[in-house]
Amino acid sequence: MEKLTLQEEEAMLAVWQIGKGFIKDFMDVLPDPKPPYTTLASTIKNLERKGYLVSERFANANRYSAKVKEVEYKKRFMSGFVNNYFQSSYKELVAFFAKDKKISAEELKEIINLIENPEK
């Protein structure tokens, strides 16, 4: 799976939020400042070329939907992130945020609870 640019990730977030839609639909949910329509259209075409989106033709427009699920992308992205910046150690990742005071003791307790009780 090819890494996405920031612009492509923003477009994918819009696609995942909408589900199936046309470029105008995705434009409506993008945060301000919104890119020009033609820029978003090019980004969507690139995402289709990269295999992240599929399209179906409706009259003179394409309706797009995600070929790659959001959770699948997040898993792959996070694995690469942890491998590249934290020597493949999720413990190092959590320790980094704890030392930088970006995660509280209460949040760590919640994480431990999720690990110990994954069904809940």
C-alpha atoms as a PDB file:
ATOM      1  CA  MET A   1       0.000   0.000   0.000  1.00  0.00           C
ATOM      2  CA  GLU A   2       1.538   3.262  -1.138  1.00  0.00           C
ATOM      3  CA  LYS A   3       1.923   6.019   1.475  1.00  0.00           C
ATOM      4  CA  LEU A   4      -0.464   8.909   1.020  1.00  0.00           C
ATOM      5  CA  THR A   5       0.359  12.598   0.987  1.00  0.00           C
ATOM      6  CA  LEU A   6      -1.347  14.879   3.504  1.00  0.00           C
ATOM      7  CA  GLN A   7      -3.678  16.115   0.745  1.00  0.00           C
ATOM      8  CA  GLU A   8      -4.550  12.524  -0.212  1.00  0.00           C
ATOM      9  CA  GLU A   9      -5.174  11.583   3.427  1.00  0.00           C
ATOM     10  CA  GLU A  10      -7.575  14.513   3.827  1.00  0.00           C
ATOM     11  CA  ALA A  11      -9.436  13.408   0.705  1.00  0.00           C
ATOM     12  CA  MET A  12      -9.592   9.816   1.980  1.00  0.00           C
ATOM     13  CA  LEU A  13     -10.993  11.007   5.313  1.00  0.00           C
ATOM     14  CA  ALA A  14     -13.773  12.727   3.372  1.00  0.00           C
ATOM     15  CA  VAL A  15     -14.416   9.559   1.334  1.00  0.00           C
ATOM     16  CA  TRP A  16     -14.499   7.394   4.458  1.00  0.00           C
ATOM     17  CA  GLN A  17     -16.893   9.864   6.084  1.00  0.00           C
ATOM     18  CA  ILE A  18     -19.284   9.974   3.101  1.00  0.00           C
ATOM     19  CA  GLY A  19     -19.007   6.417   1.821  1.00  0.00           C
ATOM     20  CA  LYS A  20     -19.993   6.602  -1.843  1.00  0.00           C
ATOM     21  CA  GLY A  21     -20.063  10.012  -3.412  1.00  0.00           C
ATOM     22  CA  PHE A  22     -19.120  12.471  -6.088  1.00  0.00           C
ATOM     23  CA  ILE A  23     -16.294  14.992  -5.859  1.00  0.00           C
ATOM     24  CA  LYS A  24     -18.754  17.723  -4.826  1.00  0.00           C
ATOM     25  CA  ASP A  25     -19.907  15.532  -1.899  1.00  0.00           C
ATOM     26  CA  PHE A  26     -16.342  15.136  -0.674  1.00  0.00           C
ATOM     27  CA  MET A  27     -15.682  18.848  -1.128  1.00  0.00           C
ATOM     28  CA  ASP A  28     -18.628  19.640   1.155  1.00  0.00           C
ATOM     29  CA  VAL A  29     -17.109  17.781   4.134  1.00  0.00           C
ATOM     30  CA  LEU A  30     -13.506  18.947   3.751  1.00  0.00           C
ATOM     31  CA  PRO A  31     -12.369  21.473   6.363  1.00  0.00           C
ATOM     32  CA  ASP A  32     -11.663  25.079   5.413  1.00  0.00           C
ATOM     33  CA  PRO A  33      -9.699  26.230   3.583  1.00  0.00           C
ATOM     34  CA  LYS A  34     -11.044  23.880   0.924  1.00  0.00           C
ATOM     35  CA  PRO A  35      -8.866  23.069  -2.075  1.00  0.00           C
ATOM     36  CA  PRO A  36     -10.028  24.133  -5.534  1.00  0.00           C
ATOM     37  CA  TYR A  37     -12.453  21.651  -7.118  1.00  0.00           C
ATOM     38  CA  THR A  38      -9.921  20.716  -9.820  1.00  0.00           C
ATOM     39  CA  THR A  39      -7.249  19.992  -7.193  1.00  0.00           C
ATOM     40  CA  LEU A  40      -9.580  17.675  -5.304  1.00  0.00           C
ATOM     41  CA  ALA A  41     -10.590  15.997  -8.575  1.00  0.00           C
ATOM     42  CA  SER A  42      -6.905  15.360  -9.384  1.00  0.00           C
ATOM     43  CA  THR A  43      -6.290  14.024  -5.881  1.00  0.00           C
ATOM     44  CA  ILE A  44      -9.281  11.673  -6.169  1.00  0.00           C
ATOM     45  CA  LYS A  45      -8.004  10.413  -9.546  1.00  0.00           C
ATOM     46  CA  ASN A  46      -4.566   9.778  -8.010  1.00  0.00           C
ATOM     47  CA  LEU A  47      -6.176   7.840  -5.156  1.00  0.00           C
ATOM     48  CA  GLU A  48      -8.031   5.707  -7.688  1.00  0.00           C
ATOM     49  CA  ARG A  49      -4.791   5.124  -9.625  1.00  0.00           C
ATOM     50  CA  LYS A  50      -3.026   4.118  -6.380  1.00  0.00           C
ATOM     51  CA  GLY A  51      -5.784   1.597  -5.647  1.00  0.00           C
ATOM     52  CA  TYR A  52      -7.406   3.367  -2.701  1.00  0.00           C
ATOM     53  CA  LEU A  53     -10.656   4.200  -4.521  1.00  0.00           C
ATOM     54  CA  VAL A  54     -12.942   2.616  -7.088  1.00  0.00           C
ATOM     55  CA  SER A  55     -15.336   4.490  -9.332  1.00  0.00           C
ATOM     56  CA  GLU A  56     -18.535   3.826 -11.181  1.00  0.00           C
ATOM     57  CA  ARG A  57     -19.814   5.958 -14.020  1.00  0.00           C
ATOM     58  CA  PHE A  58     -23.136   7.824 -13.728  1.00  0.00           C
ATOM     59  CA  ALA A  59     -23.984   9.785 -16.908  1.00  0.00           C
ATOM     60  CA  ASN A  60     -21.056  12.210 -17.192  1.00  0.00           C
ATOM     61  CA  ALA A  61     -19.737  11.890 -13.618  1.00  0.00           C
ATOM     62  CA  ASN A  62     -17.933   9.283 -11.548  1.00  0.00           C
ATOM     63  CA  ARG A  63     -19.101   8.171  -8.124  1.00  0.00           C
ATOM     64  CA  TYR A  64     -16.221   7.079  -5.918  1.00  0.00           C
ATOM     65  CA  SER A  65     -15.978   4.783  -2.933  1.00  0.00           C
ATOM     66  CA  ALA A  66     -13.138   3.489  -0.799  1.00  0.00           C
ATOM     67  CA  LYS A  67     -11.426   0.301  -1.873  1.00  0.00           C
ATOM     68  CA  VAL A  68      -9.204   0.433   1.233  1.00  0.00           C
ATOM     69  CA  LYS A  69     -10.965   0.494   4.593  1.00  0.00           C
ATOM     70  CA  GLU A  70     -10.060   3.204   7.067  1.00  0.00           C
ATOM     71  CA  VAL A  71      -9.070   0.738   9.791  1.00  0.00           C
ATOM     72  CA  GLU A  72      -6.813  -1.122   7.344  1.00  0.00           C
ATOM     73  CA  TYR A  73      -5.014   2.101   6.406  1.00  0.00           C
ATOM     74  CA  LYS A  74      -4.661   3.154  10.052  1.00  0.00           C
ATOM     75  CA  LYS A  75      -3.151  -0.212  10.998  1.00  0.00           C
ATOM     76  CA  ARG A  76      -0.620  -0.074   8.193  1.00  0.00           C
ATOM     77  CA  PHE A  77       0.206   3.595   8.798  1.00  0.00           C
ATOM     78  CA  MET A  78       0.644   3.129  12.550  1.00  0.00           C
ATOM     79  CA  SER A  79       2.824   0.037  12.077  1.00  0.00           C
ATOM     80  CA  GLY A  80       5.114   1.988   9.755  1.00  0.00           C
ATOM     81  CA  PHE A  81       5.126   4.976  12.098  1.00  0.00           C
ATOM     82  CA  VAL A  82       6.063   2.870  15.126  1.00  0.00           C
ATOM     83  CA  ASN A  83       8.704   0.980  13.119  1.00  0.00           C
ATOM     84  CA  ASN A  84      10.270   4.182  11.780  1.00  0.00           C
ATOM     85  CA  TYR A  85      10.195   6.363  14.893  1.00  0.00           C
ATOM     86  CA  PHE A  86      10.033   4.006  17.883  1.00  0.00           C
ATOM     87  CA  GLN A  87      12.162   0.990  16.879  1.00  0.00           C
ATOM     88  CA  SER A  88       9.018  -1.150  16.436  1.00  0.00           C
ATOM     89  CA  SER A  89       8.138  -0.673  20.112  1.00  0.00           C
ATOM     90  CA  TYR A  90       4.641   0.423  21.060  1.00  0.00           C
ATOM     91  CA  LYS A  91       5.948   0.686  24.617  1.00  0.00           C
ATOM     92  CA  GLU A  92       8.387   3.359  23.414  1.00  0.00           C
ATOM     93  CA  LEU A  93       5.524   5.145  21.667  1.00  0.00           C
ATOM     94  CA  VAL A  94       3.420   5.273  24.839  1.00  0.00           C
ATOM     95  CA  ALA A  95       6.451   6.228  26.940  1.00  0.00           C
ATOM     96  CA  PHE A  96       7.184   9.106  24.546  1.00  0.00           C
ATOM     97  CA  PHE A  97       3.693  10.528  25.032  1.00  0.00           C
ATOM     98  CA  ALA A  98       3.773   9.929  28.791  1.00  0.00           C
ATOM     99  CA  LYS A  99       7.124  11.740  29.156  1.00  0.00           C
ATOM    100  CA  ASP A 100       5.841  14.624  27.034  1.00  0.00           C
ATOM    101  CA  LYS A 101       2.689  14.771  29.208  1.00  0.00           C
ATOM    102  CA  LYS A 102       0.439  14.113  26.184  1.00  0.00           C
ATOM    103  CA  ILE A 103      -1.244  11.178  27.902  1.00  0.00           C
ATOM    104  CA  SER A 104      -2.589  11.100  31.444  1.00  0.00           C
ATOM    105  CA  ALA A 105      -2.412   8.365  34.060  1.00  0.00           C
ATOM    106  CA  GLU A 106      -6.188   7.970  33.691  1.00  0.00           C
ATOM    107  CA  GLU A 107      -5.830   7.432  29.932  1.00  0.00           C
ATOM    108  CA  LEU A 108      -3.063   4.879  30.548  1.00  0.00           C
ATOM    109  CA  LYS A 109      -5.391   3.025  32.940  1.00  0.00           C
ATOM    110  CA  GLU A 110      -8.030   2.985  30.184  1.00  0.00           C
ATOM    111  CA  ILE A 111      -5.477   1.574  27.741  1.00  0.00           C
ATOM    112  CA  ILE A 112      -4.465  -1.127  30.232  1.00  0.00           C
ATOM    113  CA  ASN A 113      -8.131  -1.978  30.710  1.00  0.00           C
ATOM    114  CA  LEU A 114      -8.557  -2.307  26.926  1.00  0.00           C
ATOM    115  CA  ILE A 115      -5.544  -4.637  26.778  1.00  0.00           C
ATOM    116  CA  GLU A 116      -6.749  -6.775  29.674  1.00  0.00           C
ATOM    117  CA  ASN A 117     -10.402  -6.779  28.525  1.00  0.00           C
ATOM    118  CA  PRO A 118     -10.408  -6.558  24.713  1.00  0.00           C
ATOM    119  CA  GLU A 119     -14.034  -7.699  24.430  1.00  0.00           C
ATOM    120  CA  LYS A 120     -15.466  -4.586  26.113  1.00  0.00           C
END
